[in-house]
Amino acid sequence: MRNRLIRMMLVTTVVVAACATQTQMLDSKQDTAMQTALARGKFDLNCPQANAQILSREVTQPAINSPWISGIQRAEYTIGVEGCGKRQTYLVLCPQGGESCFAGDPGGRIR
């Protein structure tokens, strides 16, 4: 019984630590993601006074994750940009360990 309690406490600690780490990653990348979406939105909307807001955010796991090959976690933000009577939504990806982000359309369209 005591060993089971210790295991449960250990698992709980690991889960809480992972959540804190993901939250820290999302917080650390958020400003860069906002600036990336806002820059693209100002251009796409032809509106220098546009504003941006976070609609959602999460950490996505790599598509490939095995003992031999592993991808990179990414912070993923959905950001709405509005200005000059127009609105656009962007999906912004920021790789863990990277200094920049990429803003794409949520529908997967390439312009």
C-alpha atoms as a PDB file:
ATOM      1  CA  MET A   1       0.000   0.000   0.000  1.00  0.00           C
ATOM      2  CA  ARG A   2       2.795   2.408   0.889  1.00  0.00           C
ATOM      3  CA  ASN A   3       4.633   1.700  -2.397  1.00  0.00           C
ATOM      4  CA  ARG A   4       1.456   2.338  -4.353  1.00  0.00           C
ATOM      5  CA  LEU A   5       0.983   5.688  -2.626  1.00  0.00           C
ATOM      6  CA  ILE A   6       4.566   6.668  -3.370  1.00  0.00           C
ATOM      7  CA  ARG A   7       4.129   5.726  -7.056  1.00  0.00           C
ATOM      8  CA  MET A   8       0.934   7.747  -7.302  1.00  0.00           C
ATOM      9  CA  MET A   9       2.639  10.762  -5.756  1.00  0.00           C
ATOM     10  CA  LEU A  10       5.556  10.412  -8.162  1.00  0.00           C
ATOM     11  CA  VAL A  11       3.264  10.196 -11.198  1.00  0.00           C
ATOM     12  CA  THR A  12       1.281  13.213  -9.985  1.00  0.00           C
ATOM     13  CA  THR A  13       4.497  15.197  -9.527  1.00  0.00           C
ATOM     14  CA  VAL A  14       5.685  14.337 -13.050  1.00  0.00           C
ATOM     15  CA  VAL A  15       2.334  15.298 -14.599  1.00  0.00           C
ATOM     16  CA  VAL A  16       2.229  18.621 -12.728  1.00  0.00           C
ATOM     17  CA  ALA A  17       5.829  19.373 -13.709  1.00  0.00           C
ATOM     18  CA  ALA A  18       5.064  18.631 -17.387  1.00  0.00           C
ATOM     19  CA  CYS A  19       2.061  20.982 -17.300  1.00  0.00           C
ATOM     20  CA  ALA A  20       4.163  23.723 -15.730  1.00  0.00           C
ATOM     21  CA  THR A  21       6.833  23.235 -18.400  1.00  0.00           C
ATOM     22  CA  GLN A  22       4.258  23.436 -21.202  1.00  0.00           C
ATOM     23  CA  THR A  23       2.731  26.557 -19.670  1.00  0.00           C
ATOM     24  CA  GLN A  24       6.180  28.125 -19.424  1.00  0.00           C
ATOM     25  CA  MET A  25       6.856  27.278 -23.073  1.00  0.00           C
ATOM     26  CA  LEU A  26       3.538  28.799 -24.172  1.00  0.00           C
ATOM     27  CA  ASP A  27       4.154  31.921 -22.083  1.00  0.00           C
ATOM     28  CA  SER A  28       7.713  32.362 -23.395  1.00  0.00           C
ATOM     29  CA  LYS A  29       6.675  32.102 -27.075  1.00  0.00           C
ATOM     30  CA  GLN A  30       3.433  34.089 -26.870  1.00  0.00           C
ATOM     31  CA  ASP A  31       4.856  37.559 -27.569  1.00  0.00           C
ATOM     32  CA  THR A  32       6.772  36.326 -30.623  1.00  0.00           C
ATOM     33  CA  ALA A  33       3.664  34.513 -31.892  1.00  0.00           C
ATOM     34  CA  MET A  34       1.550  37.664 -31.458  1.00  0.00           C
ATOM     35  CA  GLN A  35       4.080  39.819 -33.321  1.00  0.00           C
ATOM     36  CA  THR A  36       4.344  37.253 -36.130  1.00  0.00           C
ATOM     37  CA  ALA A  37       0.563  37.077 -36.617  1.00  0.00           C
ATOM     38  CA  LEU A  38       0.180  40.832 -36.302  1.00  0.00           C
ATOM     39  CA  ALA A  39       2.867  41.523 -38.926  1.00  0.00           C
ATOM     40  CA  ARG A  40       1.240  39.115 -41.373  1.00  0.00           C
ATOM     41  CA  GLY A  41      -2.236  40.443 -40.567  1.00  0.00           C
ATOM     42  CA  LYS A  42      -1.233  44.058 -41.137  1.00  0.00           C
ATOM     43  CA  PHE A  43       0.132  43.061 -44.532  1.00  0.00           C
ATOM     44  CA  ASP A  44      -2.771  40.776 -45.553  1.00  0.00           C
ATOM     45  CA  LEU A  45      -5.433  43.240 -44.405  1.00  0.00           C
ATOM     46  CA  ASN A  46      -3.457  46.251 -45.696  1.00  0.00           C
ATOM     47  CA  CYS A  47      -4.115  47.802 -42.297  1.00  0.00           C
ATOM     48  CA  PRO A  48      -1.171  49.240 -40.319  1.00  0.00           C
ATOM     49  CA  GLN A  49      -3.375  49.881 -37.257  1.00  0.00           C
ATOM     50  CA  ALA A  50      -4.632  46.263 -36.935  1.00  0.00           C
ATOM     51  CA  ASN A  51      -4.747  44.574 -33.510  1.00  0.00           C
ATOM     52  CA  ALA A  52      -4.247  40.925 -32.540  1.00  0.00           C
ATOM     53  CA  GLN A  53      -5.593  38.686 -29.799  1.00  0.00           C
ATOM     54  CA  ILE A  54      -4.918  35.101 -28.724  1.00  0.00           C
ATOM     55  CA  LEU A  55      -7.914  32.845 -29.397  1.00  0.00           C
ATOM     56  CA  SER A  56      -6.323  29.585 -28.233  1.00  0.00           C
ATOM     57  CA  ARG A  57      -2.956  28.071 -27.430  1.00  0.00           C
ATOM     58  CA  GLU A  58      -1.543  24.607 -26.850  1.00  0.00           C
ATOM     59  CA  VAL A  59       1.633  22.555 -27.064  1.00  0.00           C
ATOM     60  CA  THR A  60       1.559  20.030 -29.889  1.00  0.00           C
ATOM     61  CA  GLN A  61       3.530  16.810 -29.702  1.00  0.00           C
ATOM     62  CA  PRO A  62       5.793  15.680 -32.552  1.00  0.00           C
ATOM     63  CA  ALA A  63       4.215  13.464 -35.211  1.00  0.00           C
ATOM     64  CA  ILE A  64       7.137  11.050 -34.869  1.00  0.00           C
ATOM     65  CA  ASN A  65       8.293  10.134 -31.391  1.00  0.00           C
ATOM     66  CA  SER A  66      10.282   6.937 -30.898  1.00  0.00           C
ATOM     67  CA  PRO A  67      13.476   5.918 -29.095  1.00  0.00           C
ATOM     68  CA  TRP A  68      15.462   6.436 -32.324  1.00  0.00           C
ATOM     69  CA  ILE A  69      13.750   9.398 -33.963  1.00  0.00           C
ATOM     70  CA  SER A  70      11.917  12.239 -32.337  1.00  0.00           C
ATOM     71  CA  GLY A  71      10.354  15.421 -33.657  1.00  0.00           C
ATOM     72  CA  ILE A  72      10.184  18.780 -31.939  1.00  0.00           C
ATOM     73  CA  GLN A  73       7.365  20.028 -29.731  1.00  0.00           C
ATOM     74  CA  ARG A  74       5.713  23.212 -30.958  1.00  0.00           C
ATOM     75  CA  ALA A  75       3.737  25.938 -29.307  1.00  0.00           C
ATOM     76  CA  GLU A  76       0.599  26.416 -31.422  1.00  0.00           C
ATOM     77  CA  TYR A  77      -1.495  29.565 -31.206  1.00  0.00           C
ATOM     78  CA  THR A  78      -4.677  30.576 -32.978  1.00  0.00           C
ATOM     79  CA  ILE A  79      -4.549  34.358 -33.249  1.00  0.00           C
ATOM     80  CA  GLY A  80      -7.200  36.702 -34.585  1.00  0.00           C
ATOM     81  CA  VAL A  81      -6.149  39.930 -36.286  1.00  0.00           C
ATOM     82  CA  GLU A  82      -8.680  42.708 -36.830  1.00  0.00           C
ATOM     83  CA  GLY A  83      -8.487  46.157 -38.355  1.00  0.00           C
ATOM     84  CA  CYS A  84      -9.869  48.449 -41.062  1.00  0.00           C
ATOM     85  CA  GLY A  85     -13.196  46.604 -40.963  1.00  0.00           C
ATOM     86  CA  LYS A  86     -11.603  43.223 -41.764  1.00  0.00           C
ATOM     87  CA  ARG A  87     -10.709  40.122 -39.749  1.00  0.00           C
ATOM     88  CA  GLN A  88      -8.345  37.218 -40.310  1.00  0.00           C
ATOM     89  CA  THR A  89      -7.370  34.211 -38.211  1.00  0.00           C
ATOM     90  CA  TYR A  90      -3.859  32.734 -38.231  1.00  0.00           C
ATOM     91  CA  LEU A  91      -2.399  29.497 -36.947  1.00  0.00           C
ATOM     92  CA  VAL A  92       1.043  30.346 -35.548  1.00  0.00           C
ATOM     93  CA  LEU A  93       3.625  27.630 -34.864  1.00  0.00           C
ATOM     94  CA  CYS A  94       6.726  28.197 -32.740  1.00  0.00           C
ATOM     95  CA  PRO A  95       9.178  25.284 -32.451  1.00  0.00           C
ATOM     96  CA  GLN A  96      10.686  24.487 -29.075  1.00  0.00           C
ATOM     97  CA  GLY A  97      14.232  25.799 -28.949  1.00  0.00           C
ATOM     98  CA  GLY A  98      13.661  28.149 -31.891  1.00  0.00           C
ATOM     99  CA  GLU A  99      13.651  31.923 -31.860  1.00  0.00           C
ATOM    100  CA  SER A 100      11.020  32.535 -34.532  1.00  0.00           C
ATOM    101  CA  CYS A 101       7.469  31.520 -35.426  1.00  0.00           C
ATOM    102  CA  PHE A 102       5.486  30.871 -38.614  1.00  0.00           C
ATOM    103  CA  ALA A 103       1.988  32.240 -39.256  1.00  0.00           C
ATOM    104  CA  GLY A 104      -0.248  30.269 -41.608  1.00  0.00           C
ATOM    105  CA  ASP A 105      -3.956  30.276 -42.380  1.00  0.00           C
ATOM    106  CA  PRO A 106      -5.911  27.800 -40.215  1.00  0.00           C
ATOM    107  CA  GLY A 107      -7.547  26.384 -43.339  1.00  0.00           C
ATOM    108  CA  GLY A 108      -4.149  25.418 -44.734  1.00  0.00           C
ATOM    109  CA  ARG A 109      -4.387  27.861 -47.637  1.00  0.00           C
ATOM    110  CA  ILE A 110      -1.140  29.186 -49.075  1.00  0.00           C
ATOM    111  CA  ARG A 111      -1.192  32.648 -50.502  1.00  0.00           C
END
